[in-house]
PDB file of N, CA and C in Angstrom:
ATOM      1  N   MET A   1      18.483 -20.954 -14.511  1.00  0.00           N
ATOM      2  CA  MET A   1      17.995 -19.959 -13.601  1.00  0.00           C
ATOM      3  C   MET A   1      17.267 -20.671 -12.471  1.00  0.00           C
ATOM      4  N   GLU A   2      17.465 -20.181 -11.275  1.00  0.00           N
ATOM      5  CA  GLU A   2      16.745 -20.697 -10.102  1.00  0.00           C
ATOM      6  C   GLU A   2      15.814 -19.610  -9.596  1.00  0.00           C
ATOM      7  N   LEU A   3      14.573 -19.952  -9.375  1.00  0.00           N
ATOM      8  CA  LEU A   3      13.576 -19.004  -8.903  1.00  0.00           C
ATOM      9  C   LEU A   3      13.097 -19.430  -7.524  1.00  0.00           C
ATOM     10  N   THR A   4      13.235 -18.528  -6.569  1.00  0.00           N
ATOM     11  CA  THR A   4      12.769 -18.773  -5.209  1.00  0.00           C
ATOM     12  C   THR A   4      11.792 -17.671  -4.849  1.00  0.00           C
ATOM     13  N   LEU A   5      10.568 -18.024  -4.519  1.00  0.00           N
ATOM     14  CA  LEU A   5       9.555 -17.045  -4.149  1.00  0.00           C
ATOM     15  C   LEU A   5       9.467 -16.947  -2.629  1.00  0.00           C
ATOM     16  N   ARG A   6       9.375 -15.721  -2.144  1.00  0.00           N
ATOM     17  CA  ARG A   6       9.212 -15.473  -0.704  1.00  0.00           C
ATOM     18  C   ARG A   6       8.189 -14.365  -0.533  1.00  0.00           C
ATOM     19  N   GLU A   7       7.414 -14.450   0.517  1.00  0.00           N
ATOM     20  CA  GLU A   7       6.459 -13.393   0.832  1.00  0.00           C
ATOM     21  C   GLU A   7       7.107 -12.446   1.840  1.00  0.00           C
ATOM     22  N   LEU A   8       7.253 -11.178   1.440  1.00  0.00           N
ATOM     23  CA  LEU A   8       7.876 -10.161   2.287  1.00  0.00           C
ATOM     24  C   LEU A   8       7.062  -8.881   2.208  1.00  0.00           C
ATOM     25  N   SER A   9       7.106  -8.097   3.268  1.00  0.00           N
ATOM     26  CA  SER A   9       6.471  -6.779   3.235  1.00  0.00           C
ATOM     27  C   SER A   9       7.291  -5.872   2.314  1.00  0.00           C
ATOM     28  N   THR A  10       6.720  -4.738   1.953  1.00  0.00           N
ATOM     29  CA  THR A  10       7.458  -3.780   1.125  1.00  0.00           C
ATOM     30  C   THR A  10       8.758  -3.383   1.804  1.00  0.00           C
ATOM     31  N   ARG A  11       8.696  -3.088   3.087  1.00  0.00           N
ATOM     32  CA  ARG A  11       9.898  -2.679   3.827  1.00  0.00           C
ATOM     33  C   ARG A  11      10.955  -3.787   3.800  1.00  0.00           C
ATOM     34  N   GLU A  12      10.536  -5.032   3.996  1.00  0.00           N
ATOM     35  CA  GLU A  12      11.479  -6.151   3.964  1.00  0.00           C
ATOM     36  C   GLU A  12      12.069  -6.337   2.568  1.00  0.00           C
ATOM     37  N   GLN A  13      11.234  -6.174   1.544  1.00  0.00           N
ATOM     38  CA  GLN A  13      11.733  -6.302   0.174  1.00  0.00           C
ATOM     39  C   GLN A  13      12.764  -5.230  -0.140  1.00  0.00           C
ATOM     40  N   MET A  14      12.488  -4.008   0.267  1.00  0.00           N
ATOM     41  CA  MET A  14      13.420  -2.916  -0.005  1.00  0.00           C
ATOM     42  C   MET A  14      14.763  -3.156   0.673  1.00  0.00           C
ATOM     43  N   ALA A  15      14.734  -3.599   1.915  1.00  0.00           N
ATOM     44  CA  ALA A  15      15.983  -3.895   2.633  1.00  0.00           C
ATOM     45  C   ALA A  15      16.744  -5.019   1.932  1.00  0.00           C
ATOM     46  N   ALA A  16      16.041  -6.065   1.488  1.00  0.00           N
ATOM     47  CA  ALA A  16      16.692  -7.183   0.807  1.00  0.00           C
ATOM     48  C   ALA A  16      17.252  -6.765  -0.553  1.00  0.00           C
ATOM     49  N   LEU A  17      16.536  -5.902  -1.276  1.00  0.00           N
ATOM     50  CA  LEU A  17      17.039  -5.401  -2.562  1.00  0.00           C
ATOM     51  C   LEU A  17      18.322  -4.606  -2.378  1.00  0.00           C
ATOM     52  N   VAL A  18      18.293  -3.664  -1.444  1.00  0.00           N
ATOM     53  CA  VAL A  18      19.460  -2.804  -1.203  1.00  0.00           C
ATOM     54  C   VAL A  18      20.655  -3.633  -0.726  1.00  0.00           C
ATOM     55  N   ALA A  19      20.406  -4.680   0.080  1.00  0.00           N
ATOM     56  CA  ALA A  19      21.481  -5.530   0.592  1.00  0.00           C
ATOM     57  C   ALA A  19      21.970  -6.541  -0.442  1.00  0.00           C
ATOM     58  N   GLY A  20      21.282  -6.637  -1.589  1.00  0.00           N
ATOM     59  CA  GLY A  20      21.691  -7.582  -2.620  1.00  0.00           C
ATOM     60  C   GLY A  20      21.197  -8.992  -2.389  1.00  0.00           C
ATOM     61  N   HIS A  21      20.240  -9.194  -1.477  1.00  0.00           N
ATOM     62  CA  HIS A  21      19.701 -10.530  -1.197  1.00  0.00           C
ATOM     63  C   HIS A  21      18.474 -10.852  -2.043  1.00  0.00           C
ATOM     64  N   LEU A  22      17.988  -9.861  -2.769  1.00  0.00           N
ATOM     65  CA  LEU A  22      16.784 -10.023  -3.581  1.00  0.00           C
ATOM     66  C   LEU A  22      17.027  -9.322  -4.906  1.00  0.00           C
ATOM     67  N   ASP A  23      16.647  -9.949  -6.004  1.00  0.00           N
ATOM     68  CA  ASP A  23      16.846  -9.363  -7.320  1.00  0.00           C
ATOM     69  C   ASP A  23      15.620  -8.628  -7.843  1.00  0.00           C
ATOM     70  N   LEU A  24      14.437  -8.993  -7.364  1.00  0.00           N
ATOM     71  CA  LEU A  24      13.194  -8.434  -7.874  1.00  0.00           C
ATOM     72  C   LEU A  24      12.140  -8.497  -6.783  1.00  0.00           C
ATOM     73  N   GLY A  25      11.327  -7.458  -6.700  1.00  0.00           N
ATOM     74  CA  GLY A  25      10.227  -7.453  -5.741  1.00  0.00           C
ATOM     75  C   GLY A  25       8.993  -6.840  -6.367  1.00  0.00           C
ATOM     76  N   PHE A  26       7.842  -7.239  -5.893  1.00  0.00           N
ATOM     77  CA  PHE A  26       6.567  -6.658  -6.317  1.00  0.00           C
ATOM     78  C   PHE A  26       5.963  -5.972  -5.108  1.00  0.00           C
ATOM     79  N   VAL A  27       5.788  -4.660  -5.193  1.00  0.00           N
ATOM     80  CA  VAL A  27       5.274  -3.878  -4.067  1.00  0.00           C
ATOM     81  C   VAL A  27       4.191  -2.930  -4.557  1.00  0.00           C
ATOM     82  N   ARG A  28       3.386  -2.458  -3.646  1.00  0.00           N
ATOM     83  CA  ARG A  28       2.407  -1.413  -3.962  1.00  0.00           C
ATOM     84  C   ARG A  28       3.073  -0.068  -3.723  1.00  0.00           C
ATOM     85  N   ASP A  29       2.992   0.800  -4.703  1.00  0.00           N
ATOM     86  CA  ASP A  29       3.544   2.147  -4.559  1.00  0.00           C
ATOM     87  C   ASP A  29       2.548   2.986  -3.783  1.00  0.00           C
ATOM     88  N   ALA A  30       2.909   3.325  -2.576  1.00  0.00           N
ATOM     89  CA  ALA A  30       2.038   4.140  -1.734  1.00  0.00           C
ATOM     90  C   ALA A  30       2.794   5.357  -1.216  1.00  0.00           C
ATOM     91  N   GLY A  31       3.735   5.839  -2.006  1.00  0.00           N
ATOM     92  CA  GLY A  31       4.461   7.037  -1.629  1.00  0.00           C
ATOM     93  C   GLY A  31       5.698   6.793  -0.790  1.00  0.00           C
ATOM     94  N   GLN A  32       6.030   5.539  -0.525  1.00  0.00           N
ATOM     95  CA  GLN A  32       7.198   5.251   0.299  1.00  0.00           C
ATOM     96  C   GLN A  32       8.482   5.509  -0.491  1.00  0.00           C
ATOM     97  N   ALA A  33       9.507   5.927   0.214  1.00  0.00           N
ATOM     98  CA  ALA A  33      10.810   6.145  -0.422  1.00  0.00           C
ATOM     99  C   ALA A  33      11.414   4.793  -0.792  1.00  0.00           C
ATOM    100  N   MET A  34      12.061   4.734  -1.932  1.00  0.00           N
ATOM    101  CA  MET A  34      12.706   3.498  -2.372  1.00  0.00           C
ATOM    102  C   MET A  34      14.120   3.799  -2.849  1.00  0.00           C
ATOM    103  N   PRO A  35      14.966   4.335  -1.969  1.00  0.00           N
ATOM    104  CA  PRO A  35      16.332   4.657  -2.387  1.00  0.00           C
ATOM    105  C   PRO A  35      17.114   3.403  -2.762  1.00  0.00           C
ATOM    106  N   GLY A  36      17.892   3.512  -3.805  1.00  0.00           N
ATOM    107  CA  GLY A  36      18.727   2.393  -4.230  1.00  0.00           C
ATOM    108  C   GLY A  36      18.002   1.363  -5.077  1.00  0.00           C
ATOM    109  N   ALA A  37      16.770   1.662  -5.481  1.00  0.00           N
ATOM    110  CA  ALA A  37      16.018   0.696  -6.288  1.00  0.00           C
ATOM    111  C   ALA A  37      15.425   1.391  -7.512  1.00  0.00           C
ATOM    112  N   TYR A  38      15.381   0.671  -8.605  1.00  0.00           N
ATOM    113  CA  TYR A  38      14.694   1.138  -9.807  1.00  0.00           C
ATOM    114  C   TYR A  38      13.293   0.550  -9.752  1.00  0.00           C
ATOM    115  N   ARG A  39      12.293   1.338 -10.091  1.00  0.00           N
ATOM    116  CA  ARG A  39      10.937   0.806 -10.078  1.00  0.00           C
ATOM    117  C   ARG A  39      10.199   1.214 -11.335  1.00  0.00           C
ATOM    118  N   THR A  40       9.285   0.364 -11.735  1.00  0.00           N
ATOM    119  CA  THR A  40       8.438   0.628 -12.878  1.00  0.00           C
ATOM    120  C   THR A  40       7.033   0.130 -12.558  1.00  0.00           C
ATOM    121  N   VAL A  41       6.035   0.865 -12.985  1.00  0.00           N
ATOM    122  CA  VAL A  41       4.643   0.492 -12.731  1.00  0.00           C
ATOM    123  C   VAL A  41       4.251  -0.611 -13.708  1.00  0.00           C
ATOM    124  N   ILE A  42       3.725  -1.716 -13.179  1.00  0.00           N
ATOM    125  CA  ILE A  42       3.262  -2.793 -14.053  1.00  0.00           C
ATOM    126  C   ILE A  42       1.742  -2.929 -14.017  1.00  0.00           C
ATOM    127  N   SER A  43       1.108  -2.307 -13.031  1.00  0.00           N
ATOM    128  CA  SER A  43      -0.345  -2.368 -12.919  1.00  0.00           C
ATOM    129  C   SER A  43      -0.809  -1.280 -11.956  1.00  0.00           C
ATOM    130  N   ARG A  44      -2.019  -0.802 -12.151  1.00  0.00           N
ATOM    131  CA  ARG A  44      -2.627   0.156 -11.228  1.00  0.00           C
ATOM    132  C   ARG A  44      -3.957  -0.420 -10.759  1.00  0.00           C
ATOM    133  N   GLU A  45      -4.177  -0.370  -9.454  1.00  0.00           N
ATOM    134  CA  GLU A  45      -5.409  -0.879  -8.883  1.00  0.00           C
ATOM    135  C   GLU A  45      -5.974   0.157  -7.922  1.00  0.00           C
ATOM    136  N   PRO A  46      -7.286   0.351  -7.948  1.00  0.00           N
ATOM    137  CA  PRO A  46      -7.878   1.300  -6.995  1.00  0.00           C
ATOM    138  C   PRO A  46      -7.954   0.688  -5.599  1.00  0.00           C
ATOM    139  N   TYR A  47      -7.902   1.540  -4.589  1.00  0.00           N
ATOM    140  CA  TYR A  47      -8.177   1.094  -3.233  1.00  0.00           C
ATOM    141  C   TYR A  47      -9.678   0.998  -3.084  1.00  0.00           C
ATOM    142  N   ILE A  48     -10.125   0.050  -2.302  1.00  0.00           N
ATOM    143  CA  ILE A  48     -11.553  -0.074  -2.054  1.00  0.00           C
ATOM    144  C   ILE A  48     -11.802  -0.028  -0.552  1.00  0.00           C
ATOM    145  N   ALA A  49     -12.998   0.357  -0.180  1.00  0.00           N
ATOM    146  CA  ALA A  49     -13.409   0.359   1.224  1.00  0.00           C
ATOM    147  C   ALA A  49     -14.452  -0.741   1.402  1.00  0.00           C
ATOM    148  N   ALA A  50     -14.357  -1.486   2.471  1.00  0.00           N
ATOM    149  CA  ALA A  50     -15.346  -2.518   2.793  1.00  0.00           C
ATOM    150  C   ALA A  50     -16.210  -1.988   3.930  1.00  0.00           C
ATOM    151  N   LEU A  51     -17.505  -1.888   3.679  1.00  0.00           N
ATOM    152  CA  LEU A  51     -18.454  -1.334   4.643  1.00  0.00           C
ATOM    153  C   LEU A  51     -19.662  -2.251   4.760  1.00  0.00           C
ATOM    154  N   PRO A  52     -20.302  -2.279   5.944  1.00  0.00           N
ATOM    155  CA  PRO A  52     -21.557  -3.022   6.040  1.00  0.00           C
ATOM    156  C   PRO A  52     -22.591  -2.375   5.111  1.00  0.00           C
ATOM    157  N   SER A  53     -23.506  -3.173   4.554  1.00  0.00           N
ATOM    158  CA  SER A  53     -24.471  -2.641   3.585  1.00  0.00           C
ATOM    159  C   SER A  53     -25.333  -1.526   4.163  1.00  0.00           C
ATOM    160  N   GLY A  54     -25.578  -1.506   5.467  1.00  0.00           N
ATOM    161  CA  GLY A  54     -26.399  -0.466   6.078  1.00  0.00           C
ATOM    162  C   GLY A  54     -25.638   0.776   6.502  1.00  0.00           C
ATOM    163  N   HIS A  55     -24.340   0.823   6.271  1.00  0.00           N
ATOM    164  CA  HIS A  55     -23.516   1.961   6.685  1.00  0.00           C
ATOM    165  C   HIS A  55     -23.901   3.206   5.887  1.00  0.00           C
ATOM    166  N   PRO A  56     -23.909   4.387   6.524  1.00  0.00           N
ATOM    167  CA  PRO A  56     -24.279   5.619   5.811  1.00  0.00           C
ATOM    168  C   PRO A  56     -23.421   5.915   4.573  1.00  0.00           C
ATOM    169  N   LEU A  57     -22.196   5.446   4.538  1.00  0.00           N
ATOM    170  CA  LEU A  57     -21.314   5.714   3.392  1.00  0.00           C
ATOM    171  C   LEU A  57     -21.337   4.593   2.345  1.00  0.00           C
ATOM    172  N   ALA A  58     -22.117   3.543   2.573  1.00  0.00           N
ATOM    173  CA  ALA A  58     -22.100   2.373   1.690  1.00  0.00           C
ATOM    174  C   ALA A  58     -22.500   2.694   0.254  1.00  0.00           C
ATOM    175  N   ARG A  59     -23.324   3.689   0.026  1.00  0.00           N
ATOM    176  CA  ARG A  59     -23.756   4.020  -1.338  1.00  0.00           C
ATOM    177  C   ARG A  59     -22.941   5.158  -1.956  1.00  0.00           C
ATOM    178  N   SER A  60     -21.933   5.636  -1.246  1.00  0.00           N
ATOM    179  CA  SER A  60     -21.101   6.733  -1.760  1.00  0.00           C
ATOM    180  C   SER A  60     -20.114   6.215  -2.796  1.00  0.00           C
ATOM    181  N   ARG A  61     -19.901   6.993  -3.858  1.00  0.00           N
ATOM    182  CA  ARG A  61     -18.882   6.622  -4.852  1.00  0.00           C
ATOM    183  C   ARG A  61     -17.480   6.873  -4.324  1.00  0.00           C
ATOM    184  N   ARG A  62     -17.326   7.912  -3.525  1.00  0.00           N
ATOM    185  CA  ARG A  62     -16.026   8.248  -2.932  1.00  0.00           C
ATOM    186  C   ARG A  62     -16.206   8.358  -1.431  1.00  0.00           C
ATOM    187  N   ILE A  63     -15.281   7.789  -0.693  1.00  0.00           N
ATOM    188  CA  ILE A  63     -15.314   7.847   0.766  1.00  0.00           C
ATOM    189  C   ILE A  63     -14.398   8.993   1.205  1.00  0.00           C
ATOM    190  N   PRO A  64     -14.923   9.954   1.968  1.00  0.00           N
ATOM    191  CA  PRO A  64     -14.063  11.052   2.420  1.00  0.00           C
ATOM    192  C   PRO A  64     -13.001  10.570   3.407  1.00  0.00           C
ATOM    193  N   SER A  65     -11.975  11.365   3.583  1.00  0.00           N
ATOM    194  CA  SER A  65     -10.913  11.058   4.536  1.00  0.00           C
ATOM    195  C   SER A  65     -11.507  10.868   5.927  1.00  0.00           C
ATOM    196  N   PRO A  66     -11.013   9.882   6.688  1.00  0.00           N
ATOM    197  CA  PRO A  66     -11.522   9.688   8.047  1.00  0.00           C
ATOM    198  C   PRO A  66     -11.381  10.946   8.904  1.00  0.00           C
ATOM    199  N   ARG A  67     -10.345  11.751   8.618  1.00  0.00           N
ATOM    200  CA  ARG A  67     -10.154  12.982   9.387  1.00  0.00           C
ATOM    201  C   ARG A  67     -11.285  13.977   9.153  1.00  0.00           C
ATOM    202  N   SER A  68     -11.835  13.992   7.949  1.00  0.00           N
ATOM    203  CA  SER A  68     -12.829  15.006   7.620  1.00  0.00           C
ATOM    204  C   SER A  68     -14.251  14.623   8.013  1.00  0.00           C
ATOM    205  N   ASN A  69     -14.505  13.327   8.242  1.00  0.00           N
ATOM    206  CA  ASN A  69     -15.876  12.941   8.556  1.00  0.00           C
ATOM    207  C   ASN A  69     -16.056  12.243   9.900  1.00  0.00           C
ATOM    208  N   GLY A  70     -14.988  12.103  10.667  1.00  0.00           N
ATOM    209  CA  GLY A  70     -15.091  11.521  12.005  1.00  0.00           C
ATOM    210  C   GLY A  70     -15.322  10.026  12.040  1.00  0.00           C
ATOM    211  N   GLN A  71     -15.189   9.328  10.911  1.00  0.00           N
ATOM    212  CA  GLN A  71     -15.377   7.877  10.879  1.00  0.00           C
ATOM    213  C   GLN A  71     -14.124   7.177  11.395  1.00  0.00           C
ATOM    214  N   THR A  72     -14.311   6.055  12.055  1.00  0.00           N
ATOM    215  CA  THR A  72     -13.196   5.231  12.497  1.00  0.00           C
ATOM    216  C   THR A  72     -12.875   4.235  11.392  1.00  0.00           C
ATOM    217  N   MET A  73     -11.597   4.146  11.013  1.00  0.00           N
ATOM    218  CA  MET A  73     -11.182   3.214   9.968  1.00  0.00           C
ATOM    219  C   MET A  73      -9.963   2.434  10.431  1.00  0.00           C
ATOM    220  N   VAL A  74      -9.882   1.194  10.006  1.00  0.00           N
ATOM    221  CA  VAL A  74      -8.694   0.381  10.248  1.00  0.00           C
ATOM    222  C   VAL A  74      -7.784   0.596   9.057  1.00  0.00           C
ATOM    223  N   MET A  75      -6.558   1.053   9.328  1.00  0.00           N
ATOM    224  CA  MET A  75      -5.626   1.367   8.246  1.00  0.00           C
ATOM    225  C   MET A  75      -4.250   0.801   8.585  1.00  0.00           C
ATOM    226  N   PRO A  76      -3.401   0.634   7.569  1.00  0.00           N
ATOM    227  CA  PRO A  76      -2.031   0.185   7.830  1.00  0.00           C
ATOM    228  C   PRO A  76      -1.289   1.208   8.694  1.00  0.00           C
ATOM    229  N   PRO A  77      -0.170   0.796   9.297  1.00  0.00           N
ATOM    230  CA  PRO A  77       0.613   1.735  10.116  1.00  0.00           C
ATOM    231  C   PRO A  77       0.964   3.003   9.339  1.00  0.00           C
ATOM    232  N   ARG A  78       1.008   4.121  10.036  1.00  0.00           N
ATOM    233  CA  ARG A  78       1.228   5.441   9.440  1.00  0.00           C
ATOM    234  C   ARG A  78       2.421   5.483   8.482  1.00  0.00           C
ATOM    235  N   GLY A  79       3.549   4.907   8.846  1.00  0.00           N
ATOM    236  CA  GLY A  79       4.749   4.993   8.014  1.00  0.00           C
ATOM    237  C   GLY A  79       4.748   4.091   6.791  1.00  0.00           C
ATOM    238  N   SER A  80       3.869   3.085   6.755  1.00  0.00           N
ATOM    239  CA  SER A  80       3.956   2.125   5.663  1.00  0.00           C
ATOM    240  C   SER A  80       3.225   2.557   4.401  1.00  0.00           C
ATOM    241  N   LEU A  81       2.148   3.322   4.509  1.00  0.00           N
ATOM    242  CA  LEU A  81       1.404   3.755   3.327  1.00  0.00           C
ATOM    243  C   LEU A  81       1.015   5.232   3.471  1.00  0.00           C
ATOM    244  N   PRO A  82       1.963   6.154   3.283  1.00  0.00           N
ATOM    245  CA  PRO A  82       1.691   7.572   3.503  1.00  0.00           C
ATOM    246  C   PRO A  82       0.563   8.133   2.652  1.00  0.00           C
ATOM    247  N   ARG A  83       0.370   7.647   1.428  1.00  0.00           N
ATOM    248  CA  ARG A  83      -0.684   8.200   0.568  1.00  0.00           C
ATOM    249  C   ARG A  83      -2.083   7.951   1.122  1.00  0.00           C
ATOM    250  N   LEU A  84      -2.252   6.886   1.898  1.00  0.00           N
ATOM    251  CA  LEU A  84      -3.556   6.638   2.505  1.00  0.00           C
ATOM    252  C   LEU A  84      -3.863   7.655   3.596  1.00  0.00           C
ATOM    253  N   ARG A  85      -2.847   8.285   4.124  1.00  0.00           N
ATOM    254  CA  ARG A  85      -3.015   9.244   5.211  1.00  0.00           C
ATOM    255  C   ARG A  85      -3.183  10.667   4.708  1.00  0.00           C
ATOM    256  N   THR A  86      -3.047  10.866   3.399  1.00  0.00           N
ATOM    257  CA  THR A  86      -3.143  12.203   2.830  1.00  0.00           C
ATOM    258  C   THR A  86      -4.587  12.477   2.436  1.00  0.00           C
ATOM    259  N   PRO A  87      -5.165  13.584   2.931  1.00  0.00           N
ATOM    260  CA  PRO A  87      -6.575  13.876   2.580  1.00  0.00           C
ATOM    261  C   PRO A  87      -6.728  14.227   1.119  1.00  0.00           C
TER     262      PRO A  87
END
């Protein structure tokens, strides 16, 4: 067996899987469609927010959606992680 590791985005991995150029990929399930691929969950990890210690939300257990509280957040592109965009 020959093993070749490559770093690819989820979108790139999905295209390579469907085209037959990749046999296995590790991706984060964030609600994206994965037609033509079988997937199984191997681990679950919570999302975390990084905030300055003096930020008003720093002591909150749950951070509300940016839409509901007017906070500015840096997030991945809209199409890449739809679950992050869902309130």
